[in-house]
Each structure stands twice: as C-alpha cells, then as structure tokens.
Amino acid sequence: MTELGILGAVIGAGLAAIGAGIGIGKIGSSAMEAIGRQPEAAGKVRTNMIIVAALIEGVALFALVICFLAL
C-alpha cells in the first residue's frame, strides 16, 4: 500500500476521533446549561444526553473501523 493511503487512513481516523470529542463536549455543555436553567427536567435531559452521546460514539467507532479497513 502506498504511503498516501496510510496517511489518508490515519488522518481520517484522527478527524473521526476529534469530531466525536467535539460533539460529545457540545452535548455535555448544552445539557449542563439546560439542567442549570431548568433543574426539574434534569432526568429527561440526562437521558437524552446519554442516548445522543452513545449515537455519536457509534458513528465515531464506525468511522474508525472504516479507516482501519482502508489500511
């Protein structure tokens, strides 16, 4: 395999990890702000936050697997 193919897979894996980190950070930040504004809805906000974080992690894992398969 060429060096450019390996470089492309590594860059893709890095971008997937960075994107997941940014996405989960934004979710956590928004959830904490929502709980601060409306504490009685903390349970619903927390549940939705966990579900969305799991979906983001799934997409990131899928992207990483695709990048490693490209190697």
N, C-alpha and C. Protein backbone atom coordinates (compact mmCIF):
# COMPACT_ATOMS: atom_id res chain seq x y z
N MET A 1 0.85 -1.19 0.00
CA MET A 1 0.00 0.00 0.00
C MET A 1 0.89 1.24 0.00
N THR A 2 0.40 2.26 -0.62
CA THR A 2 1.21 3.47 -0.72
C THR A 2 1.20 4.25 0.59
N GLU A 3 2.16 5.10 0.70
CA GLU A 3 2.26 5.94 1.90
C GLU A 3 1.10 6.92 1.99
N LEU A 4 0.62 7.38 0.84
CA LEU A 4 -0.51 8.31 0.85
C LEU A 4 -1.79 7.64 1.34
N GLY A 5 -1.96 6.37 1.03
CA GLY A 5 -3.13 5.64 1.51
C GLY A 5 -3.10 5.51 3.02
N ILE A 6 -1.93 5.20 3.56
CA ILE A 6 -1.78 5.09 5.01
C ILE A 6 -2.01 6.44 5.66
N LEU A 7 -1.45 7.49 5.07
CA LEU A 7 -1.63 8.83 5.61
C LEU A 7 -3.10 9.24 5.59
N GLY A 8 -3.80 8.90 4.52
CA GLY A 8 -5.23 9.23 4.44
C GLY A 8 -6.04 8.51 5.50
N ALA A 9 -5.72 7.23 5.75
CA ALA A 9 -6.44 6.47 6.77
C ALA A 9 -6.16 7.03 8.15
N VAL A 10 -4.93 7.42 8.41
CA VAL A 10 -4.58 7.97 9.72
C VAL A 10 -5.24 9.33 9.93
N ILE A 11 -5.25 10.16 8.91
CA ILE A 11 -5.92 11.47 9.03
C ILE A 11 -7.42 11.28 9.23
N GLY A 12 -8.01 10.33 8.50
CA GLY A 12 -9.44 10.06 8.67
C GLY A 12 -9.76 9.58 10.08
N ALA A 13 -8.93 8.71 10.63
CA ALA A 13 -9.16 8.23 11.99
C ALA A 13 -9.02 9.37 13.00
N GLY A 14 -8.04 10.22 12.78
CA GLY A 14 -7.86 11.36 13.68
C GLY A 14 -9.03 12.33 13.62
N LEU A 15 -9.52 12.61 12.43
CA LEU A 15 -10.66 13.51 12.29
C LEU A 15 -11.92 12.91 12.92
N ALA A 16 -12.09 11.60 12.80
CA ALA A 16 -13.25 10.95 13.43
C ALA A 16 -13.18 11.08 14.94
N ALA A 17 -11.99 10.88 15.51
CA ALA A 17 -11.84 10.99 16.96
C ALA A 17 -12.04 12.43 17.44
N ILE A 18 -11.48 13.38 16.70
CA ILE A 18 -11.64 14.79 17.06
C ILE A 18 -13.10 15.22 16.96
N GLY A 19 -13.78 14.79 15.89
CA GLY A 19 -15.20 15.14 15.71
C GLY A 19 -16.07 14.58 16.82
N ALA A 20 -15.78 13.34 17.23
CA ALA A 20 -16.55 12.75 18.32
C ALA A 20 -16.31 13.49 19.62
N GLY A 21 -15.07 13.87 19.88
CA GLY A 21 -14.76 14.62 21.10
C GLY A 21 -15.46 15.96 21.14
N ILE A 22 -15.44 16.66 20.03
CA ILE A 22 -16.12 17.97 19.96
C ILE A 22 -17.63 17.79 20.12
N GLY A 23 -18.19 16.78 19.46
CA GLY A 23 -19.63 16.56 19.55
C GLY A 23 -20.08 16.23 20.96
N ILE A 24 -19.36 15.35 21.63
CA ILE A 24 -19.74 14.99 22.99
C ILE A 24 -19.52 16.15 23.95
N GLY A 25 -18.48 16.94 23.70
CA GLY A 25 -18.26 18.13 24.52
C GLY A 25 -19.40 19.12 24.40
N LYS A 26 -19.88 19.33 23.18
CA LYS A 26 -21.01 20.25 22.98
C LYS A 26 -22.28 19.71 23.63
N ILE A 27 -22.49 18.41 23.53
CA ILE A 27 -23.67 17.82 24.16
C ILE A 27 -23.62 18.01 25.67
N GLY A 28 -22.46 17.71 26.26
CA GLY A 28 -22.32 17.87 27.71
C GLY A 28 -22.53 19.31 28.14
N SER A 29 -21.95 20.24 27.40
CA SER A 29 -22.10 21.65 27.72
C SER A 29 -23.55 22.10 27.64
N SER A 30 -24.22 21.71 26.58
CA SER A 30 -25.62 22.10 26.41
C SER A 30 -26.51 21.46 27.46
N ALA A 31 -26.22 20.21 27.81
CA ALA A 31 -27.02 19.53 28.82
C ALA A 31 -26.86 20.19 30.18
N MET A 32 -25.63 20.56 30.53
CA MET A 32 -25.41 21.21 31.82
C MET A 32 -26.09 22.57 31.87
N GLU A 33 -26.07 23.27 30.76
CA GLU A 33 -26.76 24.57 30.70
C GLU A 33 -28.27 24.38 30.84
N ALA A 34 -28.82 23.36 30.17
CA ALA A 34 -30.26 23.10 30.26
C ALA A 34 -30.66 22.70 31.68
N ILE A 35 -29.84 21.88 32.33
CA ILE A 35 -30.15 21.49 33.71
C ILE A 35 -30.04 22.69 34.64
N GLY A 36 -29.08 23.57 34.39
CA GLY A 36 -28.95 24.78 35.20
C GLY A 36 -30.14 25.71 35.04
N ARG A 37 -30.69 25.76 33.85
CA ARG A 37 -31.84 26.63 33.62
C ARG A 37 -33.15 26.03 34.13
N GLN A 38 -33.26 24.71 34.06
CA GLN A 38 -34.50 24.05 34.45
C GLN A 38 -34.16 22.75 35.20
N PRO A 39 -33.84 22.86 36.49
CA PRO A 39 -33.38 21.69 37.25
C PRO A 39 -34.40 20.56 37.35
N GLU A 40 -35.67 20.87 37.26
CA GLU A 40 -36.68 19.81 37.38
C GLU A 40 -36.71 18.87 36.18
N ALA A 41 -36.09 19.26 35.08
CA ALA A 41 -36.05 18.42 33.89
C ALA A 41 -34.71 17.68 33.77
N ALA A 42 -33.97 17.59 34.86
CA ALA A 42 -32.62 17.00 34.81
C ALA A 42 -32.64 15.55 34.35
N GLY A 43 -33.62 14.78 34.79
CA GLY A 43 -33.69 13.37 34.42
C GLY A 43 -33.86 13.17 32.93
N LYS A 44 -34.78 13.92 32.33
CA LYS A 44 -35.02 13.80 30.89
C LYS A 44 -33.82 14.29 30.09
N VAL A 45 -33.22 15.39 30.53
CA VAL A 45 -32.06 15.93 29.82
C VAL A 45 -30.90 14.95 29.89
N ARG A 46 -30.68 14.37 31.06
CA ARG A 46 -29.58 13.42 31.22
C ARG A 46 -29.78 12.18 30.35
N THR A 47 -31.01 11.68 30.31
CA THR A 47 -31.30 10.50 29.50
C THR A 47 -31.05 10.78 28.02
N ASN A 48 -31.55 11.91 27.54
CA ASN A 48 -31.33 12.27 26.14
C ASN A 48 -29.86 12.50 25.85
N MET A 49 -29.14 13.08 26.80
CA MET A 49 -27.72 13.32 26.61
C MET A 49 -26.96 12.00 26.46
N ILE A 50 -27.28 11.03 27.27
CA ILE A 50 -26.60 9.73 27.20
C ILE A 50 -26.91 9.02 25.89
N ILE A 51 -28.16 9.10 25.44
CA ILE A 51 -28.54 8.46 24.18
C ILE A 51 -27.79 9.09 23.00
N VAL A 52 -27.76 10.40 22.95
CA VAL A 52 -27.09 11.08 21.84
C VAL A 52 -25.58 10.85 21.90
N ALA A 53 -25.00 10.85 23.10
CA ALA A 53 -23.57 10.58 23.22
C ALA A 53 -23.24 9.17 22.73
N ALA A 54 -24.11 8.21 23.02
CA ALA A 54 -23.88 6.84 22.55
C ALA A 54 -23.97 6.78 21.03
N LEU A 55 -24.89 7.52 20.43
CA LEU A 55 -25.00 7.54 18.98
C LEU A 55 -23.77 8.16 18.33
N ILE A 56 -23.25 9.21 18.93
CA ILE A 56 -22.04 9.84 18.41
C ILE A 56 -20.86 8.88 18.52
N GLU A 57 -20.75 8.20 19.64
CA GLU A 57 -19.67 7.23 19.80
C GLU A 57 -19.78 6.11 18.77
N GLY A 58 -21.01 5.69 18.47
CA GLY A 58 -21.21 4.66 17.46
C GLY A 58 -20.75 5.10 16.09
N VAL A 59 -21.08 6.33 15.72
CA VAL A 59 -20.66 6.86 14.42
C VAL A 59 -19.13 6.99 14.38
N ALA A 60 -18.54 7.45 15.48
CA ALA A 60 -17.08 7.59 15.52
C ALA A 60 -16.40 6.23 15.41
N LEU A 61 -16.93 5.24 16.09
CA LEU A 61 -16.36 3.89 16.02
C LEU A 61 -16.49 3.34 14.60
N PHE A 62 -17.62 3.57 13.98
CA PHE A 62 -17.82 3.14 12.60
C PHE A 62 -16.80 3.80 11.68
N ALA A 63 -16.57 5.09 11.86
CA ALA A 63 -15.60 5.81 11.03
C ALA A 63 -14.19 5.27 11.26
N LEU A 64 -13.84 4.97 12.49
CA LEU A 64 -12.51 4.42 12.78
C LEU A 64 -12.33 3.03 12.15
N VAL A 65 -13.36 2.21 12.20
CA VAL A 65 -13.28 0.89 11.60
C VAL A 65 -13.10 1.01 10.09
N ILE A 66 -13.83 1.91 9.47
CA ILE A 66 -13.68 2.13 8.03
C ILE A 66 -12.26 2.60 7.69
N CYS A 67 -11.71 3.49 8.50
CA CYS A 67 -10.34 3.96 8.25
C CYS A 67 -9.34 2.82 8.40
N PHE A 68 -9.53 1.97 9.40
CA PHE A 68 -8.58 0.86 9.58
C PHE A 68 -8.75 -0.18 8.48
N LEU A 69 -9.97 -0.36 7.99
CA LEU A 69 -10.17 -1.29 6.88
C LEU A 69 -9.54 -0.77 5.60
N ALA A 70 -9.43 0.55 5.48
CA ALA A 70 -8.80 1.14 4.32
C ALA A 70 -7.29 0.85 4.30
N LEU A 71 -6.74 0.55 5.46
CA LEU A 71 -5.31 0.21 5.51
C LEU A 71 -5.12 -1.15 4.88
